[in-house]
């Protein structure tokens, strides 16, 4: 693999890590809020 390819894959790898954490956190928040609302434990209006 050429140095350019190696650099590109390194950048993609390091950029993917925070994206995976942020997307996972967002999915967890959405699922948790949905479950709280459906079980009636969410915010009361």
PDB file of N, CA and C in Angstrom:
ATOM      1  N   UNK A   1       0.856  -1.175   0.000  1.00  0.00           N
ATOM      2  CA  UNK A   1       0.000   0.000   0.000  1.00  0.00           C
ATOM      3  C   UNK A   1       0.899   1.234   0.000  1.00  0.00           C
ATOM      4  N   UNK A   2       0.546   2.179  -0.847  1.00  0.00           N
ATOM      5  CA  UNK A   2       1.369   3.383  -0.946  1.00  0.00           C
ATOM      6  C   UNK A   2       1.184   4.258   0.291  1.00  0.00           C
ATOM      7  N   UNK A   3       2.122   5.160   0.529  1.00  0.00           N
ATOM      8  CA  UNK A   3       1.977   6.058   1.690  1.00  0.00           C
ATOM      9  C   UNK A   3       0.701   6.896   1.634  1.00  0.00           C
ATOM     10  N   UNK A   4       0.285   7.294   0.431  1.00  0.00           N
ATOM     11  CA  UNK A   4      -0.947   8.085   0.298  1.00  0.00           C
ATOM     12  C   UNK A   4      -2.157   7.252   0.715  1.00  0.00           C
ATOM     13  N   UNK A   5      -2.220   6.012   0.250  1.00  0.00           N
ATOM     14  CA  UNK A   5      -3.329   5.136   0.642  1.00  0.00           C
ATOM     15  C   UNK A   5      -3.334   4.897   2.148  1.00  0.00           C
ATOM     16  N   UNK A   6      -2.158   4.690   2.698  1.00  0.00           N
ATOM     17  CA  UNK A   6      -2.045   4.465   4.137  1.00  0.00           C
ATOM     18  C   UNK A   6      -2.550   5.684   4.912  1.00  0.00           C
ATOM     19  N   UNK A   7      -2.188   6.885   4.456  1.00  0.00           N
ATOM     20  CA  UNK A   7      -2.626   8.105   5.128  1.00  0.00           C
ATOM     21  C   UNK A   7      -4.148   8.263   5.026  1.00  0.00           C
ATOM     22  N   UNK A   8      -4.693   7.989   3.842  1.00  0.00           N
ATOM     23  CA  UNK A   8      -6.147   8.121   3.653  1.00  0.00           C
ATOM     24  C   UNK A   8      -6.894   7.155   4.572  1.00  0.00           C
ATOM     25  N   UNK A   9      -6.437   5.891   4.646  1.00  0.00           N
ATOM     26  CA  UNK A   9      -7.112   4.917   5.502  1.00  0.00           C
ATOM     27  C   UNK A   9      -6.983   5.276   6.972  1.00  0.00           C
ATOM     28  N   UNK A  10      -5.835   5.856   7.354  1.00  0.00           N
ATOM     29  CA  UNK A  10      -5.663   6.289   8.750  1.00  0.00           C
ATOM     30  C   UNK A  10      -6.638   7.411   9.085  1.00  0.00           C
ATOM     31  N   UNK A  11      -6.761   8.382   8.182  1.00  0.00           N
ATOM     32  CA  UNK A  11      -7.686   9.502   8.419  1.00  0.00           C
ATOM     33  C   UNK A  11      -9.121   8.996   8.499  1.00  0.00           C
ATOM     34  N   UNK A  12      -9.495   8.097   7.587  1.00  0.00           N
ATOM     35  CA  UNK A  12     -10.861   7.543   7.613  1.00  0.00           C
ATOM     36  C   UNK A  12     -11.106   6.771   8.899  1.00  0.00           C
ATOM     37  N   UNK A  13     -10.113   6.018   9.345  1.00  0.00           N
ATOM     38  CA  UNK A  13     -10.268   5.250  10.573  1.00  0.00           C
ATOM     39  C   UNK A  13     -10.449   6.130  11.788  1.00  0.00           C
ATOM     40  N   UNK A  14      -9.612   7.180  11.887  1.00  0.00           N
ATOM     41  CA  UNK A  14      -9.718   8.074  13.034  1.00  0.00           C
ATOM     42  C   UNK A  14     -10.981   8.928  12.973  1.00  0.00           C
ATOM     43  N   UNK A  15     -11.469   9.231  11.779  1.00  0.00           N
ATOM     44  CA  UNK A  15     -12.705  10.007  11.651  1.00  0.00           C
ATOM     45  C   UNK A  15     -13.918   9.137  11.978  1.00  0.00           C
ATOM     46  N   UNK A  16     -13.832   7.834  11.719  1.00  0.00           N
ATOM     47  CA  UNK A  16     -14.972   6.946  11.944  1.00  0.00           C
ATOM     48  C   UNK A  16     -15.222   6.712  13.427  1.00  0.00           C
ATOM     49  N   UNK A  17     -14.174   6.731  14.241  1.00  0.00           N
ATOM     50  CA  UNK A  17     -14.347   6.404  15.666  1.00  0.00           C
ATOM     51  C   UNK A  17     -15.311   7.364  16.381  1.00  0.00           C
ATOM     52  N   UNK A  18     -15.102   8.685  16.329  1.00  0.00           N
ATOM     53  CA  UNK A  18     -16.058   9.570  17.008  1.00  0.00           C
ATOM     54  C   UNK A  18     -17.458   9.503  16.402  1.00  0.00           C
ATOM     55  N   UNK A  19     -17.537   9.295  15.089  1.00  0.00           N
ATOM     56  CA  UNK A  19     -18.850   9.196  14.445  1.00  0.00           C
ATOM     57  C   UNK A  19     -19.610   7.999  14.998  1.00  0.00           C
ATOM     58  N   UNK A  20     -18.933   6.864  15.168  1.00  0.00           N
ATOM     59  CA  UNK A  20     -19.578   5.663  15.703  1.00  0.00           C
ATOM     60  C   UNK A  20     -20.083   5.922  17.127  1.00  0.00           C
ATOM     61  N   UNK A  21     -19.242   6.574  17.958  1.00  0.00           N
ATOM     62  CA  UNK A  21     -19.668   6.862  19.331  1.00  0.00           C
ATOM     63  C   UNK A  21     -20.859   7.817  19.362  1.00  0.00           C
ATOM     64  N   UNK A  22     -20.820   8.878  18.535  1.00  0.00           N
ATOM     65  CA  UNK A  22     -21.894   9.874  18.539  1.00  0.00           C
ATOM     66  C   UNK A  22     -23.198   9.261  18.045  1.00  0.00           C
ATOM     67  N   UNK A  23     -23.135   8.483  16.964  1.00  0.00           N
ATOM     68  CA  UNK A  23     -24.346   7.853  16.427  1.00  0.00           C
ATOM     69  C   UNK A  23     -24.907   6.835  17.418  1.00  0.00           C
ATOM     70  N   UNK A  24     -24.038   6.076  18.058  1.00  0.00           N
ATOM     71  CA  UNK A  24     -24.499   5.115  19.058  1.00  0.00           C
ATOM     72  C   UNK A  24     -25.165   5.803  20.235  1.00  0.00           C
ATOM     73  N   UNK A  25     -24.578   6.920  20.674  1.00  0.00           N
ATOM     74  CA  UNK A  25     -25.172   7.680  21.777  1.00  0.00           C
ATOM     75  C   UNK A  25     -26.536   8.241  21.371  1.00  0.00           C
ATOM     76  N   UNK A  26     -26.624   8.775  20.154  1.00  0.00           N
ATOM     77  CA  UNK A  26     -27.889   9.345  19.680  1.00  0.00           C
ATOM     78  C   UNK A  26     -28.973   8.267  19.579  1.00  0.00           C
ATOM     79  N   UNK A  27     -28.620   7.092  19.076  1.00  0.00           N
ATOM     80  CA  UNK A  27     -29.599   6.005  18.974  1.00  0.00           C
ATOM     81  C   UNK A  27     -30.061   5.579  20.367  1.00  0.00           C
ATOM     82  N   UNK A  28     -29.125   5.508  21.313  1.00  0.00           N
ATOM     83  CA  UNK A  28     -29.482   5.151  22.691  1.00  0.00           C
ATOM     84  C   UNK A  28     -30.442   6.166  23.289  1.00  0.00           C
ATOM     85  N   UNK A  29     -30.192   7.455  23.056  1.00  0.00           N
ATOM     86  CA  UNK A  29     -31.072   8.511  23.579  1.00  0.00           C
ATOM     87  C   UNK A  29     -32.469   8.394  22.974  1.00  0.00           C
ATOM     88  N   UNK A  30     -32.546   8.191  21.666  1.00  0.00           N
ATOM     89  CA  UNK A  30     -33.848   8.104  20.999  1.00  0.00           C
ATOM     90  C   UNK A  30     -34.632   6.895  21.504  1.00  0.00           C
ATOM     91  N   UNK A  31     -33.973   5.741  21.600  1.00  0.00           N
ATOM     92  CA  UNK A  31     -34.660   4.531  22.064  1.00  0.00           C
ATOM     93  C   UNK A  31     -35.111   4.690  23.512  1.00  0.00           C
ATOM     94  N   UNK A  32     -34.249   5.265  24.349  1.00  0.00           N
ATOM     95  CA  UNK A  32     -34.607   5.459  25.755  1.00  0.00           C
ATOM     96  C   UNK A  32     -35.797   6.403  25.907  1.00  0.00           C
ATOM     97  N   UNK A  33     -35.761   7.528  25.173  1.00  0.00           N
ATOM     98  CA  UNK A  33     -36.888   8.468  25.243  1.00  0.00           C
ATOM     99  C   UNK A  33     -38.172   7.824  24.738  1.00  0.00           C
ATOM    100  N   UNK A  34     -38.080   7.047  23.658  1.00  0.00           N
ATOM    101  CA  UNK A  34     -39.267   6.368  23.135  1.00  0.00           C
ATOM    102  C   UNK A  34     -39.832   5.387  24.159  1.00  0.00           C
ATOM    103  N   UNK A  35     -38.956   4.605  24.784  1.00  0.00           N
ATOM    104  CA  UNK A  35     -39.432   3.634  25.780  1.00  0.00           C
ATOM    105  C   UNK A  35     -40.038   4.334  26.990  1.00  0.00           C
ATOM    106  N   UNK A  36     -39.437   5.438  27.432  1.00  0.00           N
ATOM    107  CA  UNK A  36     -39.993   6.167  28.570  1.00  0.00           C
ATOM    108  C   UNK A  36     -41.364   6.741  28.240  1.00  0.00           C
ATOM    109  N   UNK A  37     -41.519   7.260  27.025  1.00  0.00           N
ATOM    110  CA  UNK A  37     -42.816   7.813  26.635  1.00  0.00           C
ATOM    111  C   UNK A  37     -43.875   6.718  26.526  1.00  0.00           C
ATOM    112  N   UNK A  38     -43.520   5.576  25.955  1.00  0.00           N
ATOM    113  CA  UNK A  38     -44.517   4.521  25.769  1.00  0.00           C
ATOM    114  C   UNK A  38     -44.895   3.864  27.097  1.00  0.00           C
ATOM    115  N   UNK A  39     -43.990   3.849  28.067  1.00  0.00           N
ATOM    116  CA  UNK A  39     -44.321   3.246  29.351  1.00  0.00           C
ATOM    117  C   UNK A  39     -44.960   4.256  30.306  1.00  0.00           C
ATOM    118  N   UNK A  40     -45.048   5.519  29.894  1.00  0.00           N
ATOM    119  CA  UNK A  40     -45.686   6.531  30.724  1.00  0.00           C
ATOM    120  C   UNK A  40     -44.786   7.133  31.790  1.00  0.00           C
ATOM    121  N   UNK A  41     -43.489   6.901  31.669  1.00  0.00           N
ATOM    122  CA  UNK A  41     -42.559   7.449  32.658  1.00  0.00           C
ATOM    123  C   UNK A  41     -41.864   8.716  32.166  1.00  0.00           C
ATOM    124  N   UNK A  42     -42.267   9.216  31.005  1.00  0.00           N
ATOM    125  CA  UNK A  42     -41.631  10.405  30.462  1.00  0.00           C
ATOM    126  C   UNK A  42     -42.126  11.673  31.146  1.00  0.00           C
ATOM    127  N   UNK A  43     -41.814  12.800  30.517  1.00  0.00           N
ATOM    128  CA  UNK A  43     -42.256  14.081  31.081  1.00  0.00           C
ATOM    129  C   UNK A  43     -43.759  14.206  31.007  1.00  0.00           C
ATOM    130  N   UNK A  44     -44.341  14.732  32.068  1.00  0.00           N
ATOM    131  CA  UNK A  44     -45.791  14.936  32.104  1.00  0.00           C
ATOM    132  C   UNK A  44     -46.115  16.324  31.569  1.00  0.00           C
ATOM    133  N   UNK A  45     -47.142  16.416  30.736  1.00  0.00           N
ATOM    134  CA  UNK A  45     -47.560  17.727  30.191  1.00  0.00           C
ATOM    135  C   UNK A  45     -48.558  18.386  31.108  1.00  0.00           C
TER     136      UNK A  45
END
